[in-house]
Amino acid sequence: MSSMSGISGMSSMSGMGMDMGSDGMFLPYNQMLARTYWYLIAAGFLFACLLRGVNAYETRSRLVPHRLTEIAISGS
């Protein structure tokens, strides 16, 4: 039973100084680079979504008049 208490004592890493949330670990320049990186990723994603939307709009606007002329031709 005494060996079990030693294992549970080692599982706690609270005193190791490995806190990733502390700002002291990262320099302001590194934080700026990371922020810029994620802004570029987000901008690229939004640009891809915008292109997809424009492509869908062009396809729909090209096909809808074609369907209307088919209805008009088949109705007469």
N, C-alpha and C. Protein backbone atom coordinates (compact mmCIF):
# COMPACT_ATOMS: atom_id res chain seq x y z
N MET A 1 0.82 -1.18 0.00
CA MET A 1 0.00 0.00 0.00
C MET A 1 0.87 1.25 0.00
N SER A 2 2.01 1.21 0.63
CA SER A 2 2.87 2.38 0.68
C SER A 2 3.47 2.69 -0.69
N SER A 3 3.63 1.67 -1.55
CA SER A 3 4.15 1.93 -2.90
C SER A 3 3.12 2.66 -3.75
N MET A 4 1.85 2.47 -3.50
CA MET A 4 0.80 3.16 -4.24
C MET A 4 0.80 4.66 -3.95
N SER A 5 1.11 5.04 -2.73
CA SER A 5 1.12 6.46 -2.40
C SER A 5 2.28 7.16 -3.11
N GLY A 6 3.35 6.46 -3.37
CA GLY A 6 4.47 7.06 -4.10
C GLY A 6 4.12 7.32 -5.55
N ILE A 7 3.32 6.45 -6.16
CA ILE A 7 2.91 6.62 -7.56
C ILE A 7 1.97 7.80 -7.70
N SER A 8 1.03 7.91 -6.78
CA SER A 8 0.09 9.02 -6.87
C SER A 8 0.80 10.35 -6.63
N GLY A 9 1.84 10.35 -5.86
CA GLY A 9 2.60 11.57 -5.63
C GLY A 9 3.37 12.01 -6.85
N MET A 10 3.75 11.08 -7.71
CA MET A 10 4.53 11.42 -8.91
C MET A 10 3.64 11.86 -10.06
N SER A 11 2.34 11.56 -9.99
CA SER A 11 1.47 11.93 -11.10
C SER A 11 1.17 13.41 -11.12
N SER A 12 1.41 14.10 -10.04
CA SER A 12 1.16 15.54 -9.99
C SER A 12 2.39 16.28 -10.51
N MET A 13 2.20 17.10 -11.53
CA MET A 13 3.32 17.86 -12.09
C MET A 13 3.13 19.35 -11.82
N SER A 14 2.46 19.68 -10.76
CA SER A 14 2.14 21.08 -10.49
C SER A 14 3.38 21.91 -10.19
N GLY A 15 4.40 21.32 -9.67
CA GLY A 15 5.58 22.08 -9.31
C GLY A 15 6.67 22.06 -10.36
N MET A 16 6.39 21.59 -11.55
CA MET A 16 7.42 21.42 -12.57
C MET A 16 7.69 22.68 -13.38
N GLY A 17 6.80 23.67 -13.34
CA GLY A 17 7.02 24.88 -14.11
C GLY A 17 6.75 24.70 -15.60
N MET A 18 5.89 23.79 -15.97
CA MET A 18 5.61 23.50 -17.38
C MET A 18 4.26 24.07 -17.80
N ASP A 19 3.86 25.15 -17.21
CA ASP A 19 2.57 25.76 -17.52
C ASP A 19 2.65 26.44 -18.88
N MET A 20 1.90 25.92 -19.85
CA MET A 20 1.95 26.46 -21.21
C MET A 20 1.12 27.73 -21.35
N GLY A 21 0.31 28.06 -20.35
CA GLY A 21 -0.54 29.22 -20.44
C GLY A 21 0.15 30.50 -19.98
N SER A 22 1.33 30.39 -19.44
CA SER A 22 2.00 31.59 -18.95
C SER A 22 2.60 32.37 -20.11
N ASP A 23 2.46 33.69 -20.05
CA ASP A 23 2.99 34.54 -21.11
C ASP A 23 4.49 34.74 -21.01
N GLY A 24 5.08 34.39 -19.89
CA GLY A 24 6.52 34.56 -19.73
C GLY A 24 7.31 33.63 -20.63
N MET A 25 6.67 32.59 -21.12
CA MET A 25 7.37 31.61 -21.94
C MET A 25 7.56 32.09 -23.38
N PHE A 26 6.70 32.98 -23.86
CA PHE A 26 6.73 33.41 -25.24
C PHE A 26 7.11 34.88 -25.32
N LEU A 27 8.00 35.19 -26.23
CA LEU A 27 8.39 36.58 -26.45
C LEU A 27 7.30 37.31 -27.22
N PRO A 28 7.18 38.60 -27.06
CA PRO A 28 6.16 39.35 -27.80
C PRO A 28 6.29 39.19 -29.31
N TYR A 29 7.51 39.09 -29.81
CA TYR A 29 7.71 38.89 -31.25
C TYR A 29 7.13 37.56 -31.70
N ASN A 30 7.33 36.51 -30.90
CA ASN A 30 6.79 35.19 -31.24
C ASN A 30 5.27 35.19 -31.19
N GLN A 31 4.71 35.90 -30.23
CA GLN A 31 3.25 36.01 -30.15
C GLN A 31 2.71 36.73 -31.37
N MET A 32 3.40 37.77 -31.81
CA MET A 32 2.97 38.52 -32.99
C MET A 32 3.05 37.62 -34.25
N LEU A 33 4.11 36.84 -34.36
CA LEU A 33 4.24 35.92 -35.49
C LEU A 33 3.11 34.88 -35.48
N ALA A 34 2.81 34.33 -34.32
CA ALA A 34 1.75 33.33 -34.22
C ALA A 34 0.39 33.94 -34.56
N ARG A 35 0.14 35.14 -34.07
CA ARG A 35 -1.13 35.81 -34.36
C ARG A 35 -1.25 36.09 -35.85
N THR A 36 -0.16 36.57 -36.46
CA THR A 36 -0.17 36.85 -37.90
C THR A 36 -0.39 35.57 -38.70
N TYR A 37 0.23 34.49 -38.28
CA TYR A 37 0.06 33.20 -38.95
C TYR A 37 -1.42 32.78 -38.96
N TRP A 38 -2.08 32.87 -37.81
CA TRP A 38 -3.47 32.45 -37.73
C TRP A 38 -4.40 33.40 -38.47
N TYR A 39 -4.05 34.69 -38.50
CA TYR A 39 -4.85 35.63 -39.30
C TYR A 39 -4.72 35.31 -40.78
N LEU A 40 -3.53 34.93 -41.22
CA LEU A 40 -3.34 34.54 -42.62
C LEU A 40 -4.11 33.25 -42.95
N ILE A 41 -4.10 32.30 -42.03
CA ILE A 41 -4.87 31.07 -42.23
C ILE A 41 -6.35 31.38 -42.34
N ALA A 42 -6.86 32.23 -41.45
CA ALA A 42 -8.27 32.61 -41.47
C ALA A 42 -8.61 33.37 -42.75
N ALA A 43 -7.72 34.26 -43.18
CA ALA A 43 -7.96 35.02 -44.41
C ALA A 43 -7.99 34.10 -45.62
N GLY A 44 -7.10 33.13 -45.67
CA GLY A 44 -7.10 32.16 -46.77
C GLY A 44 -8.36 31.33 -46.80
N PHE A 45 -8.82 30.92 -45.63
CA PHE A 45 -10.05 30.14 -45.54
C PHE A 45 -11.25 30.97 -46.01
N LEU A 46 -11.33 32.21 -45.54
CA LEU A 46 -12.45 33.06 -45.95
C LEU A 46 -12.40 33.37 -47.45
N PHE A 47 -11.20 33.53 -47.99
CA PHE A 47 -11.06 33.77 -49.42
C PHE A 47 -11.54 32.55 -50.22
N ALA A 48 -11.19 31.35 -49.75
CA ALA A 48 -11.66 30.12 -50.42
C ALA A 48 -13.18 30.01 -50.35
N CYS A 49 -13.76 30.38 -49.21
CA CYS A 49 -15.23 30.36 -49.08
C CYS A 49 -15.86 31.38 -50.02
N LEU A 50 -15.25 32.55 -50.14
CA LEU A 50 -15.75 33.58 -51.03
C LEU A 50 -15.71 33.10 -52.49
N LEU A 51 -14.61 32.49 -52.89
CA LEU A 51 -14.52 31.95 -54.24
C LEU A 51 -15.57 30.88 -54.49
N ARG A 52 -15.79 30.04 -53.50
CA ARG A 52 -16.81 28.98 -53.63
C ARG A 52 -18.20 29.59 -53.79
N GLY A 53 -18.49 30.64 -53.03
CA GLY A 53 -19.78 31.30 -53.14
C GLY A 53 -19.97 31.97 -54.49
N VAL A 54 -18.93 32.64 -54.99
CA VAL A 54 -19.01 33.28 -56.30
C VAL A 54 -19.20 32.23 -57.39
N ASN A 55 -18.49 31.13 -57.27
CA ASN A 55 -18.62 30.05 -58.25
C ASN A 55 -20.04 29.48 -58.24
N ALA A 56 -20.60 29.27 -57.05
CA ALA A 56 -21.96 28.74 -56.95
C ALA A 56 -22.97 29.73 -57.53
N TYR A 57 -22.77 31.03 -57.25
CA TYR A 57 -23.67 32.05 -57.79
C TYR A 57 -23.60 32.09 -59.31
N GLU A 58 -22.40 32.04 -59.88
CA GLU A 58 -22.26 32.05 -61.34
C GLU A 58 -22.90 30.83 -61.98
N THR A 59 -22.72 29.68 -61.37
CA THR A 59 -23.31 28.45 -61.91
C THR A 59 -24.83 28.54 -61.87
N ARG A 60 -25.37 29.00 -60.76
CA ARG A 60 -26.83 29.10 -60.62
C ARG A 60 -27.39 30.14 -61.59
N SER A 61 -26.73 31.29 -61.71
CA SER A 61 -27.25 32.33 -62.60
C SER A 61 -27.14 31.91 -64.07
N ARG A 62 -26.19 31.04 -64.36
CA ARG A 62 -26.06 30.55 -65.73
C ARG A 62 -27.12 29.49 -66.04
N LEU A 63 -27.47 28.66 -65.05
CA LEU A 63 -28.40 27.56 -65.29
C LEU A 63 -29.87 27.97 -65.18
N VAL A 64 -30.20 28.93 -64.35
CA VAL A 64 -31.60 29.30 -64.15
C VAL A 64 -32.22 29.86 -65.43
N PRO A 65 -31.61 30.80 -66.16
CA PRO A 65 -32.24 31.24 -67.41
C PRO A 65 -32.38 30.10 -68.43
N HIS A 66 -31.44 29.17 -68.43
CA HIS A 66 -31.52 28.03 -69.34
C HIS A 66 -32.76 27.19 -69.03
N ARG A 67 -33.05 26.98 -67.76
CA ARG A 67 -34.25 26.22 -67.37
C ARG A 67 -35.52 26.96 -67.77
N LEU A 68 -35.51 28.28 -67.64
CA LEU A 68 -36.69 29.05 -68.00
C LEU A 68 -36.95 28.98 -69.50
N THR A 69 -35.91 29.01 -70.32
CA THR A 69 -36.13 28.92 -71.77
C THR A 69 -36.58 27.51 -72.15
N GLU A 70 -36.14 26.48 -71.44
CA GLU A 70 -36.62 25.13 -71.71
C GLU A 70 -38.10 25.00 -71.41
N ILE A 71 -38.54 25.62 -70.33
CA ILE A 71 -39.96 25.60 -69.97
C ILE A 71 -40.77 26.35 -71.01
N ALA A 72 -40.28 27.48 -71.47
CA ALA A 72 -40.99 28.28 -72.45
C ALA A 72 -41.07 27.56 -73.79
N ILE A 73 -40.00 26.86 -74.17
CA ILE A 73 -40.00 26.14 -75.46
C ILE A 73 -40.90 24.92 -75.38
N SER A 74 -40.84 24.18 -74.28
CA SER A 74 -41.65 22.96 -74.18
C SER A 74 -43.13 23.31 -73.96
N GLY A 75 -43.45 24.49 -73.47
CA GLY A 75 -44.84 24.88 -73.23
C GLY A 75 -45.55 25.30 -74.49
N SER A 76 -44.81 25.66 -75.54
CA SER A 76 -45.49 26.14 -76.75
C SER A 76 -45.72 25.09 -77.78
